[in-house]
Amino acid sequence: MPQVDYGPVDDCLGETAVADPDWEIILSILAGQPSQFRLLYRRHQQRVRALLFQLCGPSALDDLVQEVFLRAWKGLPRMEHRAKFTTWLYRITCNVASDFRRQAGKRRQQAETLQYQAHTLTPAPDLSDLHYQDLVQRGLAVLKADQRTVLVLHDLEGLAQKDVSEILRIPVGTVKSRLFHARQSLRQFLYQEGIAL
């Protein structure tokens, strides 16, 4: 990547950027040390991978993770310096997931939890855990894409509604509405599977 002078980057940093531990790395990348990007990759790739798995299933997971970080690399010079890096990266991740689902058309992705487990470093869960993971994946698959995205970001990733709103660029009220309907649909699915909540 050719070296480009982006001017006095530190002068435009806001409070969020100063508190964000990733900004030191970002500044070194923008100052001409592109090899530092691997630190951002190592720090965030597992969460990006987990989010993509929840949103898209296991097929093409490696390609989707690669696409997220490729877009992040290309967009880093244009990133708003007041934004938190993780919020910006999650927005890219959601956009990549949305593009993938759009390309897949009407074909829904089937969850293959056992295949995904082979790619993680965690010990193998017992059979009852696999059963519930499979149920959750099948439940997520029946949700509308916009509801699934909000549910995964808020309930599974633990992000605040305000952060979900920023990532998806929708009002907080829309986040609340989609979250309500997603939970309602998931409860109905689980009830039909014989699990009462």
Protein backbone atom coordinates (compact mmCIF):
# COMPACT_ATOMS: atom_id res chain seq x y z
CA MET A 1 0.00 0.00 0.00
CA PRO A 2 1.55 3.35 -1.01
CA GLN A 3 2.27 5.79 1.77
CA VAL A 4 -0.21 8.66 1.84
CA ASP A 5 -0.09 11.72 4.07
CA TYR A 6 -3.46 12.13 5.79
CA GLY A 7 -2.48 15.34 7.52
CA PRO A 8 -2.76 16.00 11.24
CA VAL A 9 -4.99 13.05 12.09
CA ASP A 10 -4.64 13.48 15.86
CA ASP A 11 -6.07 17.02 15.67
CA CYS A 12 -9.46 15.74 14.56
CA LEU A 13 -9.86 13.01 17.17
CA GLY A 14 -12.90 13.30 19.40
CA GLU A 15 -13.46 12.00 22.93
CA THR A 16 -14.59 8.57 21.71
CA ALA A 17 -11.45 8.09 19.68
CA VAL A 18 -9.20 9.00 22.59
CA ALA A 19 -10.93 6.44 24.83
CA ASP A 20 -10.86 3.77 22.11
CA PRO A 21 -7.84 1.47 22.58
CA ASP A 22 -7.76 0.78 18.83
CA TRP A 23 -6.98 4.37 17.90
CA GLU A 24 -3.30 4.10 18.72
CA ILE A 25 -3.05 1.25 16.20
CA ILE A 26 -5.18 3.10 13.64
CA LEU A 27 -2.99 6.19 13.90
CA SER A 28 0.14 4.10 13.32
CA ILE A 29 -1.46 2.53 10.23
CA LEU A 30 -2.44 5.93 8.85
CA ALA A 31 1.05 7.21 9.63
CA GLY A 32 2.56 4.63 7.27
CA GLN A 33 2.80 1.38 9.22
CA PRO A 34 0.29 -0.86 7.38
CA SER A 35 1.63 -3.99 9.07
CA GLN A 36 -0.07 -2.81 12.27
CA PHE A 37 -3.43 -3.74 10.72
CA ARG A 38 -2.77 -7.35 11.70
CA LEU A 39 -3.12 -6.27 15.36
CA LEU A 40 -6.64 -5.01 14.66
CA TYR A 41 -7.39 -8.25 12.83
CA ARG A 42 -6.15 -10.40 15.71
CA ARG A 43 -8.05 -8.33 18.26
CA HIS A 44 -11.43 -8.40 16.46
CA GLN A 45 -11.59 -11.37 14.07
CA GLN A 46 -13.17 -13.83 16.55
CA ARG A 47 -16.05 -11.44 17.35
CA VAL A 48 -16.55 -10.65 13.65
CA ARG A 49 -16.52 -14.38 12.87
CA ALA A 50 -19.06 -15.10 15.64
CA LEU A 51 -21.35 -12.30 14.49
CA LEU A 52 -21.19 -13.44 10.86
CA PHE A 53 -21.90 -17.01 11.95
CA GLN A 54 -25.02 -15.86 13.81
CA LEU A 55 -26.19 -13.72 10.88
CA CYS A 56 -25.27 -15.95 7.93
CA GLY A 57 -24.53 -19.46 9.17
CA PRO A 58 -21.33 -21.39 8.54
CA SER A 59 -21.21 -21.42 4.74
CA ALA A 60 -18.61 -19.06 3.29
CA LEU A 61 -17.66 -17.91 6.80
CA ASP A 62 -13.94 -17.52 6.06
CA ASP A 63 -14.68 -15.56 2.88
CA LEU A 64 -17.09 -13.26 4.74
CA VAL A 65 -14.55 -12.55 7.51
CA GLN A 66 -11.95 -11.78 4.85
CA GLU A 67 -14.39 -9.44 3.09
CA VAL A 68 -15.11 -7.54 6.33
CA PHE A 69 -11.44 -6.91 7.01
CA LEU A 70 -10.73 -6.06 3.37
CA ARG A 71 -13.45 -3.40 3.48
CA ALA A 72 -12.13 -2.16 6.82
CA TRP A 73 -8.61 -1.89 5.38
CA LYS A 74 -9.83 0.03 2.35
CA GLY A 75 -12.12 2.28 4.39
CA LEU A 76 -9.78 3.06 7.28
CA PRO A 77 -8.54 6.37 5.81
CA ARG A 78 -12.17 7.53 5.42
CA MET A 79 -13.33 6.42 8.86
CA GLU A 80 -14.87 9.17 10.98
CA HIS A 81 -12.31 9.84 13.67
CA ARG A 82 -14.96 10.41 16.33
CA ALA A 83 -16.40 6.94 15.77
CA LYS A 84 -15.53 3.96 17.91
CA PHE A 85 -13.64 1.39 15.81
CA THR A 86 -15.75 -1.57 16.98
CA THR A 87 -18.99 0.22 16.09
CA TRP A 88 -17.61 1.01 12.64
CA LEU A 89 -16.34 -2.57 12.18
CA TYR A 90 -19.72 -4.01 13.25
CA ARG A 91 -21.43 -1.76 10.69
CA ILE A 92 -19.15 -3.19 7.99
CA THR A 93 -19.84 -6.72 9.28
CA CYS A 94 -23.61 -6.17 9.12
CA ASN A 95 -23.30 -4.76 5.60
CA VAL A 96 -21.27 -7.78 4.46
CA ALA A 97 -23.85 -10.11 6.04
CA SER A 98 -26.67 -8.22 4.36
CA ASP A 99 -24.92 -8.42 0.97
CA PHE A 100 -24.38 -12.16 1.46
CA ARG A 101 -28.03 -12.80 2.33
CA ARG A 102 -29.18 -10.70 -0.60
CA GLN A 103 -26.97 -12.71 -2.96
CA ALA A 104 -28.27 -15.95 -1.50
CA GLY A 105 -31.77 -14.84 -2.43
CA LYS A 106 -34.55 -16.98 -1.03
CA ARG A 107 -32.24 -19.80 0.03
CA ARG A 108 -31.96 -19.78 3.80
CA GLN A 109 -28.68 -20.82 5.37
CA GLN A 110 -28.93 -24.00 7.46
CA ALA A 111 -26.93 -23.98 10.69
CA GLU A 112 -24.26 -26.67 10.96
CA THR A 113 -23.17 -26.23 14.55
CA LEU A 114 -20.90 -29.27 14.58
CA GLN A 115 -18.95 -28.00 11.58
CA TYR A 116 -18.55 -24.60 13.21
CA GLN A 117 -17.36 -26.21 16.45
CA ALA A 118 -14.41 -27.70 14.56
CA HIS A 119 -13.18 -24.16 13.83
CA THR A 120 -13.24 -22.91 17.42
CA LEU A 121 -10.77 -23.41 20.21
CA THR A 122 -13.42 -24.15 22.83
CA PRO A 123 -13.89 -27.69 24.14
CA ALA A 124 -16.68 -29.73 22.59
CA PRO A 125 -20.02 -29.12 24.35
CA ASP A 126 -22.18 -31.91 25.63
CA LEU A 127 -25.11 -33.17 23.54
CA SER A 128 -27.74 -31.06 25.31
CA ASP A 129 -25.73 -27.90 24.52
CA LEU A 130 -25.56 -28.92 20.86
CA HIS A 131 -29.31 -29.50 20.85
CA TYR A 132 -30.01 -26.00 22.20
CA GLN A 133 -27.46 -24.38 19.88
CA ASP A 134 -29.15 -26.10 16.96
CA LEU A 135 -32.56 -24.88 18.16
CA VAL A 136 -31.30 -21.31 18.46
CA GLN A 137 -29.75 -21.45 14.99
CA ARG A 138 -32.96 -22.83 13.48
CA GLY A 139 -34.94 -20.21 15.38
CA LEU A 140 -32.72 -17.44 14.04
CA ALA A 141 -33.17 -18.80 10.52
CA VAL A 142 -36.95 -18.26 10.67
CA LEU A 143 -36.60 -14.58 11.60
CA LYS A 144 -36.65 -11.79 9.04
CA ALA A 145 -33.11 -10.63 8.28
CA ASP A 146 -33.56 -7.21 9.92
CA GLN A 147 -35.01 -8.77 13.09
CA ARG A 148 -32.27 -11.41 13.24
CA THR A 149 -29.54 -8.78 12.92
CA VAL A 150 -30.95 -6.69 15.78
CA LEU A 151 -31.49 -9.75 17.99
CA VAL A 152 -27.98 -11.09 17.41
CA LEU A 153 -26.30 -7.73 18.03
CA HIS A 154 -28.32 -6.95 21.16
CA ASP A 155 -29.06 -10.28 22.82
CA LEU A 156 -26.17 -12.48 21.68
CA GLU A 157 -23.38 -9.91 21.28
CA GLY A 158 -24.56 -7.86 24.27
CA LEU A 159 -24.54 -4.46 22.57
CA ALA A 160 -26.69 -1.64 23.90
CA GLN A 161 -29.70 -0.57 21.84
CA LYS A 162 -27.99 2.76 21.14
CA ASP A 163 -24.94 0.96 19.73
CA VAL A 164 -27.15 -1.29 17.57
CA SER A 165 -28.88 1.86 16.33
CA GLU A 166 -25.53 3.40 15.33
CA ILE A 167 -24.26 0.23 13.66
CA LEU A 168 -27.40 -0.27 11.58
CA ARG A 169 -28.09 3.46 11.13
CA ILE A 170 -31.69 3.15 12.29
CA PRO A 171 -33.55 4.93 15.11
CA VAL A 172 -33.48 3.40 18.60
CA GLY A 173 -37.27 3.03 18.39
CA THR A 174 -36.86 0.81 15.33
CA VAL A 175 -34.29 -1.27 17.20
CA LYS A 176 -36.77 -1.74 20.06
CA SER A 177 -39.58 -2.69 17.68
CA ARG A 178 -37.48 -5.20 15.73
CA LEU A 179 -36.15 -6.65 18.97
CA PHE A 180 -39.67 -7.09 20.34
CA HIS A 181 -40.92 -8.81 17.18
CA ALA A 182 -37.80 -10.98 16.88
CA ARG A 183 -38.14 -12.19 20.47
CA GLN A 184 -41.83 -12.85 19.94
CA SER A 185 -41.14 -14.90 16.80
CA LEU A 186 -38.32 -16.80 18.50
CA ARG A 187 -40.55 -17.60 21.50
CA GLN A 188 -43.24 -18.89 19.12
CA PHE A 189 -40.70 -21.07 17.31
CA LEU A 190 -39.36 -22.51 20.57
CA TYR A 191 -42.91 -23.13 21.81
CA GLN A 192 -43.62 -25.11 18.62
CA GLU A 193 -40.45 -27.09 19.33
CA GLY A 194 -41.80 -27.98 22.76
CA ILE A 195 -39.79 -25.50 24.80
CA ALA A 196 -41.81 -23.11 26.95
CA LEU A 197 -40.10 -19.96 28.19
